[in-house]
Amino acid sequence: MMARDYRKEYDTYQGTEEQKKNRAKRNAARAKLAKTGRVSKGDGKDVDHVIPLSKGGANVAGNLRVKTKSANRSFKRNPDKSVK
């Protein structure tokens, strides 16, 4: 098994402007729900977008919900990691 090349992964995917913007949107969504007390650091929960950001969803209250990490991350993805 080869060691994971994190530098290459960041340079080719995580460090792109599009992914930086997506990460900022996800962080903003979590901050909104943390402010209302629905999530907290280390609680093992994810903020889920009913309509995913990749499908045109927004960070409005009606599009956000709290799910367990396992439930939120258990859906099929496209090869580019976007939601099917």
Protein backbone atom coordinates (compact mmCIF):
# COMPACT_ATOMS: atom_id res chain seq x y z
CA MET A 1 0.00 0.00 0.00
CA MET A 2 1.40 3.38 -1.00
CA ALA A 3 1.41 6.36 1.31
CA ARG A 4 -1.20 8.99 0.54
CA ASP A 5 0.23 12.07 -1.19
CA TYR A 6 -1.60 14.86 0.63
CA ARG A 7 0.39 17.60 -1.10
CA LYS A 8 -0.65 16.38 -4.55
CA GLU A 9 -4.25 15.93 -3.40
CA TYR A 10 -4.36 19.52 -2.14
CA ASP A 11 -2.72 20.92 -5.27
CA THR A 12 -5.01 19.06 -7.66
CA TYR A 13 -8.32 19.15 -5.79
CA GLN A 14 -8.67 20.62 -2.30
CA GLY A 15 -6.65 23.73 -3.13
CA THR A 16 -8.65 24.76 -6.19
CA GLU A 17 -10.62 27.99 -5.95
CA GLU A 18 -13.91 26.12 -6.46
CA GLN A 19 -13.21 23.76 -3.55
CA LYS A 20 -12.10 26.62 -1.31
CA LYS A 21 -15.42 28.35 -1.98
CA ASN A 22 -17.37 25.13 -1.32
CA ARG A 23 -15.49 24.60 1.94
CA ALA A 24 -16.28 28.16 3.02
CA LYS A 25 -19.99 27.53 2.30
CA ARG A 26 -19.96 24.32 4.36
CA ASN A 27 -18.20 26.08 7.24
CA ALA A 28 -20.74 28.92 7.13
CA ALA A 29 -23.63 26.44 7.24
CA ARG A 30 -22.17 24.70 10.29
CA ALA A 31 -21.57 28.07 12.00
CA LYS A 32 -25.24 29.00 11.46
CA LEU A 33 -26.47 25.82 13.14
CA ALA A 34 -23.86 26.04 15.89
CA LYS A 35 -25.10 29.53 16.71
CA THR A 36 -28.62 28.16 17.23
CA GLY A 37 -27.31 25.26 19.34
CA ARG A 38 -28.30 22.49 16.92
CA VAL A 39 -24.68 21.27 16.51
CA SER A 40 -21.53 21.61 18.55
CA LYS A 41 -17.88 20.79 18.09
CA GLY A 42 -17.16 17.09 18.48
CA ASP A 43 -20.81 16.00 18.53
CA GLY A 44 -20.34 13.52 15.66
CA LYS A 45 -22.95 15.22 13.50
CA ASP A 46 -22.83 16.82 10.07
CA VAL A 47 -24.79 19.68 8.62
CA ASP A 48 -26.61 18.36 5.57
CA HIS A 49 -27.99 20.41 2.71
CA VAL A 50 -31.41 19.11 1.61
CA ILE A 51 -30.57 20.31 -1.89
CA PRO A 52 -26.78 19.85 -2.16
CA LEU A 53 -24.58 22.85 -2.90
CA SER A 54 -23.36 21.04 -6.01
CA LYS A 55 -26.97 20.88 -7.27
CA GLY A 56 -27.68 24.57 -6.71
CA GLY A 57 -28.72 24.45 -3.05
CA ALA A 58 -28.07 27.35 -0.70
CA ASN A 59 -27.11 27.94 2.93
CA VAL A 60 -30.59 29.12 3.92
CA ALA A 61 -32.19 27.74 7.09
CA GLY A 62 -34.82 25.77 5.14
CA ASN A 63 -32.13 23.88 3.24
CA LEU A 64 -30.07 22.83 6.29
CA ARG A 65 -30.58 19.85 8.57
CA VAL A 66 -28.50 17.90 11.08
CA LYS A 67 -27.60 14.26 10.40
CA THR A 68 -25.16 11.78 11.85
CA LYS A 69 -21.86 11.60 9.98
CA SER A 70 -22.52 8.05 8.81
CA ALA A 71 -25.97 8.92 7.47
CA ASN A 72 -24.79 12.07 5.74
CA ARG A 73 -21.81 10.46 4.03
CA SER A 74 -23.50 7.26 2.85
CA PHE A 75 -24.76 8.31 -0.57
CA LYS A 76 -23.41 7.62 -4.00
CA ARG A 77 -21.02 10.12 -5.58
CA ASN A 78 -19.84 10.86 -9.08
CA PRO A 79 -16.16 10.29 -9.99
CA ASP A 80 -15.53 14.01 -9.32
CA LYS A 81 -16.89 13.50 -5.75
CA SER A 82 -20.10 15.47 -6.40
CA VAL A 83 -23.45 14.06 -5.31
CA LYS A 84 -25.28 11.82 -7.78
